[in-house]
Amino acid sequence: MDKKREISEECFYKTAAALEDKAEAESFFKALCTEKEVQLIAQRLYVAKLLSENRVYSDIVEQTGASSATVSRVKRAMAADREYFKRLLEKLNELL
């Protein structure tokens, strides 16, 4: 990764990690991302939640509007880093 990109990503992640509440997070992502980008990120997180509940692909596709390719991509990511997704989804469930 080139140095400029590395610095940009560090700035982005540190800023995102410092967000204090939902309103601040909404403002941050709406300022930096298109509505479609936010929707896609949210959709993938919801797909991960449903996969963790052992829902079948067809139900996930129907419930989220995600393509089967997106569901597969999220499932592969979850398999590649099980512990991370376990912690992430535990946090999500605590918030809901």
PDB file of N, CA and C in Angstrom:
ATOM      1  N   MET A   1       0.854  -1.176   0.000  1.00  0.00           N
ATOM      2  CA  MET A   1       0.000   0.000   0.000  1.00  0.00           C
ATOM      3  C   MET A   1       0.894   1.232   0.000  1.00  0.00           C
ATOM      4  N   ASP A   2       0.536   2.215  -0.795  1.00  0.00           N
ATOM      5  CA  ASP A   2       1.383   3.402  -0.832  1.00  0.00           C
ATOM      6  C   ASP A   2       1.156   4.263   0.422  1.00  0.00           C
ATOM      7  N   LYS A   3       2.122   5.107   0.701  1.00  0.00           N
ATOM      8  CA  LYS A   3       2.133   5.892   1.939  1.00  0.00           C
ATOM      9  C   LYS A   3       0.937   6.836   2.042  1.00  0.00           C
ATOM     10  N   LYS A   4       0.564   7.491   0.941  1.00  0.00           N
ATOM     11  CA  LYS A   4      -0.567   8.423   0.967  1.00  0.00           C
ATOM     12  C   LYS A   4      -1.861   7.692   1.326  1.00  0.00           C
ATOM     13  N   ARG A   5      -2.059   6.547   0.717  1.00  0.00           N
ATOM     14  CA  ARG A   5      -3.262   5.766   1.007  1.00  0.00           C
ATOM     15  C   ARG A   5      -3.244   5.277   2.446  1.00  0.00           C
ATOM     16  N   GLU A   6      -2.100   4.850   2.904  1.00  0.00           N
ATOM     17  CA  GLU A   6      -1.970   4.367   4.281  1.00  0.00           C
ATOM     18  C   GLU A   6      -2.321   5.468   5.288  1.00  0.00           C
ATOM     19  N   ILE A   7      -1.828   6.674   5.048  1.00  0.00           N
ATOM     20  CA  ILE A   7      -2.119   7.809   5.932  1.00  0.00           C
ATOM     21  C   ILE A   7      -3.611   8.153   5.875  1.00  0.00           C
ATOM     22  N   SER A   8      -4.186   8.156   4.679  1.00  0.00           N
ATOM     23  CA  SER A   8      -5.613   8.449   4.523  1.00  0.00           C
ATOM     24  C   SER A   8      -6.466   7.440   5.269  1.00  0.00           C
ATOM     25  N   GLU A   9      -6.141   6.159   5.133  1.00  0.00           N
ATOM     26  CA  GLU A   9      -6.913   5.124   5.799  1.00  0.00           C
ATOM     27  C   GLU A   9      -6.756   5.209   7.313  1.00  0.00           C
ATOM     28  N   GLU A  10      -5.560   5.503   7.783  1.00  0.00           N
ATOM     29  CA  GLU A  10      -5.356   5.651   9.220  1.00  0.00           C
ATOM     30  C   GLU A  10      -6.229   6.778   9.760  1.00  0.00           C
ATOM     31  N   CYS A  11      -6.262   7.889   9.067  1.00  0.00           N
ATOM     32  CA  CYS A  11      -7.091   9.034   9.454  1.00  0.00           C
ATOM     33  C   CYS A  11      -8.567   8.628   9.486  1.00  0.00           C
ATOM     34  N   PHE A  12      -9.013   7.942   8.458  1.00  0.00           N
ATOM     35  CA  PHE A  12     -10.404   7.514   8.376  1.00  0.00           C
ATOM     36  C   PHE A  12     -10.775   6.595   9.532  1.00  0.00           C
ATOM     37  N   TYR A  13      -9.981   5.555   9.748  1.00  0.00           N
ATOM     38  CA  TYR A  13     -10.312   4.576  10.790  1.00  0.00           C
ATOM     39  C   TYR A  13     -10.245   5.182  12.191  1.00  0.00           C
ATOM     40  N   LYS A  14      -9.257   6.020  12.437  1.00  0.00           N
ATOM     41  CA  LYS A  14      -9.163   6.652  13.756  1.00  0.00           C
ATOM     42  C   LYS A  14     -10.343   7.583  14.002  1.00  0.00           C
ATOM     43  N   THR A  15     -10.741   8.312  12.974  1.00  0.00           N
ATOM     44  CA  THR A  15     -11.890   9.201  13.119  1.00  0.00           C
ATOM     45  C   THR A  15     -13.165   8.388  13.350  1.00  0.00           C
ATOM     46  N   ALA A  16     -13.357   7.338  12.572  1.00  0.00           N
ATOM     47  CA  ALA A  16     -14.547   6.494  12.743  1.00  0.00           C
ATOM     48  C   ALA A  16     -14.579   5.880  14.143  1.00  0.00           C
ATOM     49  N   ALA A  17     -13.435   5.456  14.643  1.00  0.00           N
ATOM     50  CA  ALA A  17     -13.371   4.853  15.971  1.00  0.00           C
ATOM     51  C   ALA A  17     -13.677   5.853  17.077  1.00  0.00           C
ATOM     52  N   ALA A  18     -13.486   7.123  16.812  1.00  0.00           N
ATOM     53  CA  ALA A  18     -13.705   8.159  17.821  1.00  0.00           C
ATOM     54  C   ALA A  18     -15.146   8.670  17.861  1.00  0.00           C
ATOM     55  N   LEU A  19     -15.982   8.215  16.954  1.00  0.00           N
ATOM     56  CA  LEU A  19     -17.368   8.688  16.930  1.00  0.00           C
ATOM     57  C   LEU A  19     -18.063   8.290  18.229  1.00  0.00           C
ATOM     58  N   GLU A  20     -18.832   9.211  18.768  1.00  0.00           N
ATOM     59  CA  GLU A  20     -19.380   9.010  20.107  1.00  0.00           C
ATOM     60  C   GLU A  20     -20.788   8.435  20.154  1.00  0.00           C
ATOM     61  N   ASP A  21     -21.583   8.653  19.121  1.00  0.00           N
ATOM     62  CA  ASP A  21     -22.953   8.155  19.174  1.00  0.00           C
ATOM     63  C   ASP A  21     -23.504   7.981  17.752  1.00  0.00           C
ATOM     64  N   LYS A  22     -24.741   7.482  17.690  1.00  0.00           N
ATOM     65  CA  LYS A  22     -25.367   7.189  16.402  1.00  0.00           C
ATOM     66  C   LYS A  22     -25.496   8.450  15.544  1.00  0.00           C
ATOM     67  N   ALA A  23     -25.893   9.551  16.148  1.00  0.00           N
ATOM     68  CA  ALA A  23     -26.067  10.794  15.384  1.00  0.00           C
ATOM     69  C   ALA A  23     -24.748  11.238  14.769  1.00  0.00           C
ATOM     70  N   GLU A  24     -23.673  11.148  15.531  1.00  0.00           N
ATOM     71  CA  GLU A  24     -22.365  11.540  15.004  1.00  0.00           C
ATOM     72  C   GLU A  24     -21.924  10.590  13.892  1.00  0.00           C
ATOM     73  N   ALA A  25     -22.190   9.289  14.059  1.00  0.00           N
ATOM     74  CA  ALA A  25     -21.838   8.311  13.030  1.00  0.00           C
ATOM     75  C   ALA A  25     -22.627   8.568  11.747  1.00  0.00           C
ATOM     76  N   GLU A  26     -23.914   8.871  11.896  1.00  0.00           N
ATOM     77  CA  GLU A  26     -24.736   9.177  10.717  1.00  0.00           C
ATOM     78  C   GLU A  26     -24.187  10.382   9.970  1.00  0.00           C
ATOM     79  N   SER A  27     -23.862  11.436  10.700  1.00  0.00           N
ATOM     80  CA  SER A  27     -23.322  12.639  10.069  1.00  0.00           C
ATOM     81  C   SER A  27     -22.010  12.352   9.357  1.00  0.00           C
ATOM     82  N   PHE A  28     -21.141  11.594  10.020  1.00  0.00           N
ATOM     83  CA  PHE A  28     -19.835  11.245   9.464  1.00  0.00           C
ATOM     84  C   PHE A  28     -19.989  10.502   8.138  1.00  0.00           C
ATOM     85  N   PHE A  29     -20.780   9.420   8.151  1.00  0.00           N
ATOM     86  CA  PHE A  29     -20.900   8.610   6.942  1.00  0.00           C
ATOM     87  C   PHE A  29     -21.692   9.311   5.848  1.00  0.00           C
ATOM     88  N   LYS A  30     -22.685  10.100   6.205  1.00  0.00           N
ATOM     89  CA  LYS A  30     -23.435  10.845   5.189  1.00  0.00           C
ATOM     90  C   LYS A  30     -22.580  11.935   4.552  1.00  0.00           C
ATOM     91  N   ALA A  31     -21.646  12.477   5.322  1.00  0.00           N
ATOM     92  CA  ALA A  31     -20.761  13.510   4.783  1.00  0.00           C
ATOM     93  C   ALA A  31     -19.725  12.922   3.828  1.00  0.00           C
ATOM     94  N   LEU A  32     -19.304  11.700   4.091  1.00  0.00           N
ATOM     95  CA  LEU A  32     -18.205  11.113   3.321  1.00  0.00           C
ATOM     96  C   LEU A  32     -18.620  10.072   2.289  1.00  0.00           C
ATOM     97  N   CYS A  33     -19.797   9.505   2.443  1.00  0.00           N
ATOM     98  CA  CYS A  33     -20.233   8.417   1.562  1.00  0.00           C
ATOM     99  C   CYS A  33     -21.520   8.812   0.854  1.00  0.00           C
ATOM    100  N   THR A  34     -21.730   8.206  -0.294  1.00  0.00           N
ATOM    101  CA  THR A  34     -23.014   8.391  -0.950  1.00  0.00           C
ATOM    102  C   THR A  34     -24.055   7.582  -0.185  1.00  0.00           C
ATOM    103  N   GLU A  35     -25.303   7.907  -0.417  1.00  0.00           N
ATOM    104  CA  GLU A  35     -26.380   7.154   0.230  1.00  0.00           C
ATOM    105  C   GLU A  35     -26.284   5.675  -0.141  1.00  0.00           C
ATOM    106  N   LYS A  36     -25.965   5.401  -1.388  1.00  0.00           N
ATOM    107  CA  LYS A  36     -25.845   4.009  -1.856  1.00  0.00           C
ATOM    108  C   LYS A  36     -24.712   3.281  -1.131  1.00  0.00           C
ATOM    109  N   GLU A  37     -23.576   3.937  -0.921  1.00  0.00           N
ATOM    110  CA  GLU A  37     -22.463   3.307  -0.205  1.00  0.00           C
ATOM    111  C   GLU A  37     -22.855   2.955   1.225  1.00  0.00           C
ATOM    112  N   VAL A  38     -23.546   3.866   1.891  1.00  0.00           N
ATOM    113  CA  VAL A  38     -24.011   3.596   3.253  1.00  0.00           C
ATOM    114  C   VAL A  38     -24.982   2.424   3.246  1.00  0.00           C
ATOM    115  N   GLN A  39     -25.892   2.404   2.278  1.00  0.00           N
ATOM    116  CA  GLN A  39     -26.862   1.311   2.174  1.00  0.00           C
ATOM    117  C   GLN A  39     -26.163  -0.033   1.965  1.00  0.00           C
ATOM    118  N   LEU A  40     -25.134  -0.058   1.128  1.00  0.00           N
ATOM    119  CA  LEU A  40     -24.422  -1.308   0.856  1.00  0.00           C
ATOM    120  C   LEU A  40     -23.670  -1.812   2.088  1.00  0.00           C
ATOM    121  N   ILE A  41     -23.040  -0.905   2.820  1.00  0.00           N
ATOM    122  CA  ILE A  41     -22.339  -1.301   4.042  1.00  0.00           C
ATOM    123  C   ILE A  41     -23.348  -1.841   5.057  1.00  0.00           C
ATOM    124  N   ALA A  42     -24.456  -1.127   5.223  1.00  0.00           N
ATOM    125  CA  ALA A  42     -25.495  -1.552   6.166  1.00  0.00           C
ATOM    126  C   ALA A  42     -26.076  -2.901   5.757  1.00  0.00           C
ATOM    127  N   GLN A  43     -26.289  -3.074   4.472  1.00  0.00           N
ATOM    128  CA  GLN A  43     -26.836  -4.326   3.966  1.00  0.00           C
ATOM    129  C   GLN A  43     -25.903  -5.498   4.272  1.00  0.00           C
ATOM    130  N   ARG A  44     -24.617  -5.298   4.066  1.00  0.00           N
ATOM    131  CA  ARG A  44     -23.647  -6.371   4.318  1.00  0.00           C
ATOM    132  C   ARG A  44     -23.580  -6.723   5.797  1.00  0.00           C
ATOM    133  N   LEU A  45     -23.686  -5.724   6.650  1.00  0.00           N
ATOM    134  CA  LEU A  45     -23.711  -5.995   8.083  1.00  0.00           C
ATOM    135  C   LEU A  45     -24.953  -6.804   8.450  1.00  0.00           C
ATOM    136  N   TYR A  46     -26.094  -6.438   7.879  1.00  0.00           N
ATOM    137  CA  TYR A  46     -27.333  -7.172   8.144  1.00  0.00           C
ATOM    138  C   TYR A  46     -27.251  -8.593   7.600  1.00  0.00           C
ATOM    139  N   VAL A  47     -26.646  -8.762   6.440  1.00  0.00           N
ATOM    140  CA  VAL A  47     -26.425 -10.105   5.884  1.00  0.00           C
ATOM    141  C   VAL A  47     -25.596 -10.936   6.864  1.00  0.00           C
ATOM    142  N   ALA A  48     -24.548 -10.349   7.423  1.00  0.00           N
ATOM    143  CA  ALA A  48     -23.709 -11.070   8.392  1.00  0.00           C
ATOM    144  C   ALA A  48     -24.532 -11.482   9.608  1.00  0.00           C
ATOM    145  N   LYS A  49     -25.378 -10.595  10.073  1.00  0.00           N
ATOM    146  CA  LYS A  49     -26.240 -10.908  11.215  1.00  0.00           C
ATOM    147  C   LYS A  49     -27.132 -12.099  10.898  1.00  0.00           C
ATOM    148  N   LEU A  50     -27.765 -12.080   9.736  1.00  0.00           N
ATOM    149  CA  LEU A  50     -28.661 -13.174   9.350  1.00  0.00           C
ATOM    150  C   LEU A  50     -27.898 -14.478   9.140  1.00  0.00           C
ATOM    151  N   LEU A  51     -26.705 -14.398   8.554  1.00  0.00           N
ATOM    152  CA  LEU A  51     -25.886 -15.599   8.396  1.00  0.00           C
ATOM    153  C   LEU A  51     -25.527 -16.186   9.756  1.00  0.00           C
ATOM    154  N   SER A  52     -25.239 -15.322  10.718  1.00  0.00           N
ATOM    155  CA  SER A  52     -24.882 -15.805  12.060  1.00  0.00           C
ATOM    156  C   SER A  52     -26.060 -16.488  12.743  1.00  0.00           C
ATOM    157  N   GLU A  53     -27.271 -16.198  12.272  1.00  0.00           N
ATOM    158  CA  GLU A  53     -28.484 -16.833  12.793  1.00  0.00           C
ATOM    159  C   GLU A  53     -28.831 -18.092  11.992  1.00  0.00           C
ATOM    160  N   ASN A  54     -27.908 -18.495  11.107  1.00  0.00           N
ATOM    161  CA  ASN A  54     -28.058 -19.691  10.273  1.00  0.00           C
ATOM    162  C   ASN A  54     -29.261 -19.631   9.339  1.00  0.00           C
ATOM    163  N   ARG A  55     -29.552 -18.442   8.855  1.00  0.00           N
ATOM    164  CA  ARG A  55     -30.622 -18.298   7.864  1.00  0.00           C
ATOM    165  C   ARG A  55     -30.125 -18.811   6.522  1.00  0.00           C
ATOM    166  N   VAL A  56     -31.039 -19.281   5.697  1.00  0.00           N
ATOM    167  CA  VAL A  56     -30.662 -19.793   4.381  1.00  0.00           C
ATOM    168  C   VAL A  56     -30.530 -18.642   3.394  1.00  0.00           C
ATOM    169  N   TYR A  57     -29.709 -18.853   2.377  1.00  0.00           N
ATOM    170  CA  TYR A  57     -29.416 -17.813   1.386  1.00  0.00           C
ATOM    171  C   TYR A  57     -30.680 -17.193   0.809  1.00  0.00           C
ATOM    172  N   SER A  58     -31.615 -18.029   0.405  1.00  0.00           N
ATOM    173  CA  SER A  58     -32.805 -17.493  -0.263  1.00  0.00           C
ATOM    174  C   SER A  58     -33.584 -16.555   0.659  1.00  0.00           C
ATOM    175  N   ASP A  59     -33.656 -16.879   1.938  1.00  0.00           N
ATOM    176  CA  ASP A  59     -34.330 -15.990   2.899  1.00  0.00           C
ATOM    177  C   ASP A  59     -33.561 -14.685   3.069  1.00  0.00           C
ATOM    178  N   ILE A  60     -32.239 -14.774   3.109  1.00  0.00           N
ATOM    179  CA  ILE A  60     -31.405 -13.578   3.278  1.00  0.00           C
ATOM    180  C   ILE A  60     -31.538 -12.668   2.061  1.00  0.00           C
ATOM    181  N   VAL A  61     -31.494 -13.257   0.879  1.00  0.00           N
ATOM    182  CA  VAL A  61     -31.644 -12.484  -0.359  1.00  0.00           C
ATOM    183  C   VAL A  61     -32.999 -11.786  -0.361  1.00  0.00           C
ATOM    184  N   GLU A  62     -34.039 -12.510  -0.001  1.00  0.00           N
ATOM    185  CA  GLU A  62     -35.387 -11.941   0.009  1.00  0.00           C
ATOM    186  C   GLU A  62     -35.523 -10.842   1.063  1.00  0.00           C
ATOM    187  N   GLN A  63     -34.981 -11.076   2.239  1.00  0.00           N
ATOM    188  CA  GLN A  63     -35.145 -10.127   3.342  1.00  0.00           C
ATOM    189  C   GLN A  63     -34.292  -8.869   3.184  1.00  0.00           C
ATOM    190  N   THR A  64     -33.118  -8.999   2.571  1.00  0.00           N
ATOM    191  CA  THR A  64     -32.194  -7.865   2.502  1.00  0.00           C
ATOM    192  C   THR A  64     -32.119  -7.203   1.132  1.00  0.00           C
ATOM    193  N   GLY A  65     -32.477  -7.928   0.097  1.00  0.00           N
ATOM    194  CA  GLY A  65     -32.318  -7.406  -1.254  1.00  0.00           C
ATOM    195  C   GLY A  65     -30.900  -7.578  -1.784  1.00  0.00           C
ATOM    196  N   ALA A  66     -30.039  -8.199  -0.996  1.00  0.00           N
ATOM    197  CA  ALA A  66     -28.661  -8.463  -1.428  1.00  0.00           C
ATOM    198  C   ALA A  66     -28.659  -9.571  -2.477  1.00  0.00           C
ATOM    199  N   SER A  67     -27.673  -9.522  -3.344  1.00  0.00           N
ATOM    200  CA  SER A  67     -27.539 -10.599  -4.323  1.00  0.00           C
ATOM    201  C   SER A  67     -26.950 -11.823  -3.628  1.00  0.00           C
ATOM    202  N   SER A  68     -27.115 -12.982  -4.256  1.00  0.00           N
ATOM    203  CA  SER A  68     -26.519 -14.195  -3.690  1.00  0.00           C
ATOM    204  C   SER A  68     -24.998 -14.084  -3.687  1.00  0.00           C
ATOM    205  N   ALA A  69     -24.431 -13.329  -4.641  1.00  0.00           N
ATOM    206  CA  ALA A  69     -22.975 -13.114  -4.659  1.00  0.00           C
ATOM    207  C   ALA A  69     -22.538 -12.315  -3.439  1.00  0.00           C
ATOM    208  N   THR A  70     -23.326 -11.327  -3.048  1.00  0.00           N
ATOM    209  CA  THR A  70     -22.997 -10.544  -1.857  1.00  0.00           C
ATOM    210  C   THR A  70     -23.094 -11.408  -0.613  1.00  0.00           C
ATOM    211  N   VAL A  71     -24.123 -12.228  -0.527  1.00  0.00           N
ATOM    212  CA  VAL A  71     -24.270 -13.129   0.621  1.00  0.00           C
ATOM    213  C   VAL A  71     -23.070 -14.060   0.692  1.00  0.00           C
ATOM    214  N   SER A  72     -22.646 -14.595  -0.439  1.00  0.00           N
ATOM    215  CA  SER A  72     -21.473 -15.472  -0.483  1.00  0.00           C
ATOM    216  C   SER A  72     -20.208 -14.741  -0.054  1.00  0.00           C
ATOM    217  N   ARG A  73     -20.046 -13.507  -0.506  1.00  0.00           N
ATOM    218  CA  ARG A  73     -18.873 -12.703  -0.161  1.00  0.00           C
ATOM    219  C   ARG A  73     -18.812 -12.467   1.342  1.00  0.00           C
ATOM    220  N   VAL A  74     -19.948 -12.126   1.930  1.00  0.00           N
ATOM    221  CA  VAL A  74     -19.990 -11.893   3.378  1.00  0.00           C
ATOM    222  C   VAL A  74     -19.713 -13.196   4.121  1.00  0.00           C
ATOM    223  N   LYS A  75     -20.269 -14.285   3.643  1.00  0.00           N
ATOM    224  CA  LYS A  75     -20.039 -15.588   4.295  1.00  0.00           C
ATOM    225  C   LYS A  75     -18.555 -15.958   4.254  1.00  0.00           C
ATOM    226  N   ARG A  76     -17.897 -15.700   3.131  1.00  0.00           N
ATOM    227  CA  ARG A  76     -16.452 -15.984   3.029  1.00  0.00           C
ATOM    228  C   ARG A  76     -15.662 -15.111   4.001  1.00  0.00           C
ATOM    229  N   ALA A  77     -16.036 -13.841   4.099  1.00  0.00           N
ATOM    230  CA  ALA A  77     -15.354 -12.938   5.027  1.00  0.00           C
ATOM    231  C   ALA A  77     -15.539 -13.419   6.463  1.00  0.00           C
ATOM    232  N   MET A  78     -16.743 -13.868   6.776  1.00  0.00           N
ATOM    233  CA  MET A  78     -17.010 -14.368   8.128  1.00  0.00           C
ATOM    234  C   MET A  78     -16.209 -15.633   8.418  1.00  0.00           C
ATOM    235  N   ALA A  79     -16.067 -16.488   7.430  1.00  0.00           N
ATOM    236  CA  ALA A  79     -15.291 -17.721   7.610  1.00  0.00           C
ATOM    237  C   ALA A  79     -13.807 -17.413   7.766  1.00  0.00           C
ATOM    238  N   ALA A  80     -13.336 -16.382   7.081  1.00  0.00           N
ATOM    239  CA  ALA A  80     -11.916 -16.026   7.124  1.00  0.00           C
ATOM    240  C   ALA A  80     -11.519 -15.410   8.460  1.00  0.00           C
ATOM    241  N   ASP A  81     -12.472 -14.773   9.128  1.00  0.00           N
ATOM    242  CA  ASP A  81     -12.158 -14.119  10.406  1.00  0.00           C
ATOM    243  C   ASP A  81     -13.309 -14.317  11.385  1.00  0.00           C
ATOM    244  N   ARG A  82     -13.490 -15.559  11.787  1.00  0.00           N
ATOM    245  CA  ARG A  82     -14.608 -15.929  12.669  1.00  0.00           C
ATOM    246  C   ARG A  82     -14.647 -15.132  13.966  1.00  0.00           C
ATOM    247  N   GLU A  83     -13.497 -14.982  14.612  1.00  0.00           N
ATOM    248  CA  GLU A  83     -13.451 -14.295  15.905  1.00  0.00           C
ATOM    249  C   GLU A  83     -13.857 -12.832  15.780  1.00  0.00           C
ATOM    250  N   TYR A  84     -13.397 -12.175  14.737  1.00  0.00           N
ATOM    251  CA  TYR A  84     -13.763 -10.779  14.537  1.00  0.00           C
ATOM    252  C   TYR A  84     -15.272 -10.645  14.376  1.00  0.00           C
ATOM    253  N   PHE A  85     -15.852 -11.461  13.505  1.00  0.00           N
ATOM    254  CA  PHE A  85     -17.287 -11.353  13.270  1.00  0.00           C
ATOM    255  C   PHE A  85     -18.090 -11.746  14.503  1.00  0.00           C
ATOM    256  N   LYS A  86     -17.574 -12.687  15.274  1.00  0.00           N
ATOM    257  CA  LYS A  86     -18.255 -13.062  16.521  1.00  0.00           C
ATOM    258  C   LYS A  86     -18.350 -11.842  17.444  1.00  0.00           C
ATOM    259  N   ARG A  87     -17.232 -11.137  17.622  1.00  0.00           N
ATOM    260  CA  ARG A  87     -17.216  -9.944  18.478  1.00  0.00           C
ATOM    261  C   ARG A  87     -18.091  -8.836  17.898  1.00  0.00           C
ATOM    262  N   LEU A  88     -17.990  -8.626  16.599  1.00  0.00           N
ATOM    263  CA  LEU A  88     -18.776  -7.589  15.939  1.00  0.00           C
ATOM    264  C   LEU A  88     -20.274  -7.836  16.112  1.00  0.00           C
ATOM    265  N   LEU A  89     -20.694  -9.064  15.885  1.00  0.00           N
ATOM    266  CA  LEU A  89     -22.116  -9.384  15.974  1.00  0.00           C
ATOM    267  C   LEU A  89     -22.606  -9.395  17.416  1.00  0.00           C
ATOM    268  N   GLU A  90     -21.735  -9.718  18.358  1.00  0.00           N
ATOM    269  CA  GLU A  90     -22.109  -9.599  19.772  1.00  0.00           C
ATOM    270  C   GLU A  90     -22.381  -8.142  20.112  1.00  0.00           C
ATOM    271  N   LYS A  91     -21.509  -7.250  19.630  1.00  0.00           N
ATOM    272  CA  LYS A  91     -21.714  -5.811  19.851  1.00  0.00           C
ATOM    273  C   LYS A  91     -23.019  -5.358  19.210  1.00  0.00           C
ATOM    274  N   LEU A  92     -23.263  -5.799  17.995  1.00  0.00           N
ATOM    275  CA  LEU A  92     -24.479  -5.428  17.292  1.00  0.00           C
ATOM    276  C   LEU A  92     -25.707  -5.888  18.063  1.00  0.00           C
ATOM    277  N   ASN A  93     -25.697  -7.111  18.527  1.00  0.00           N
ATOM    278  CA  ASN A  93     -26.850  -7.642  19.270  1.00  0.00           C
ATOM    279  C   ASN A  93     -27.071  -6.900  20.574  1.00  0.00           C
ATOM    280  N   GLU A  94     -25.994  -6.442  21.209  1.00  0.00           N
ATOM    281  CA  GLU A  94     -26.143  -5.656  22.426  1.00  0.00           C
ATOM    282  C   GLU A  94     -26.819  -4.312  22.138  1.00  0.00           C
ATOM    283  N   LEU A  95     -26.568  -3.766  20.971  1.00  0.00           N
ATOM    284  CA  LEU A  95     -27.115  -2.463  20.601  1.00  0.00           C
ATOM    285  C   LEU A  95     -28.563  -2.516  20.148  1.00  0.00           C
ATOM    286  N   LEU A  96     -28.972  -3.683  19.680  1.00  0.00           N
ATOM    287  CA  LEU A  96     -30.346  -3.788  19.136  1.00  0.00           C
ATOM    288  C   LEU A  96     -31.365  -4.110  20.202  1.00  0.00           C
TER     289      LEU A  96
END
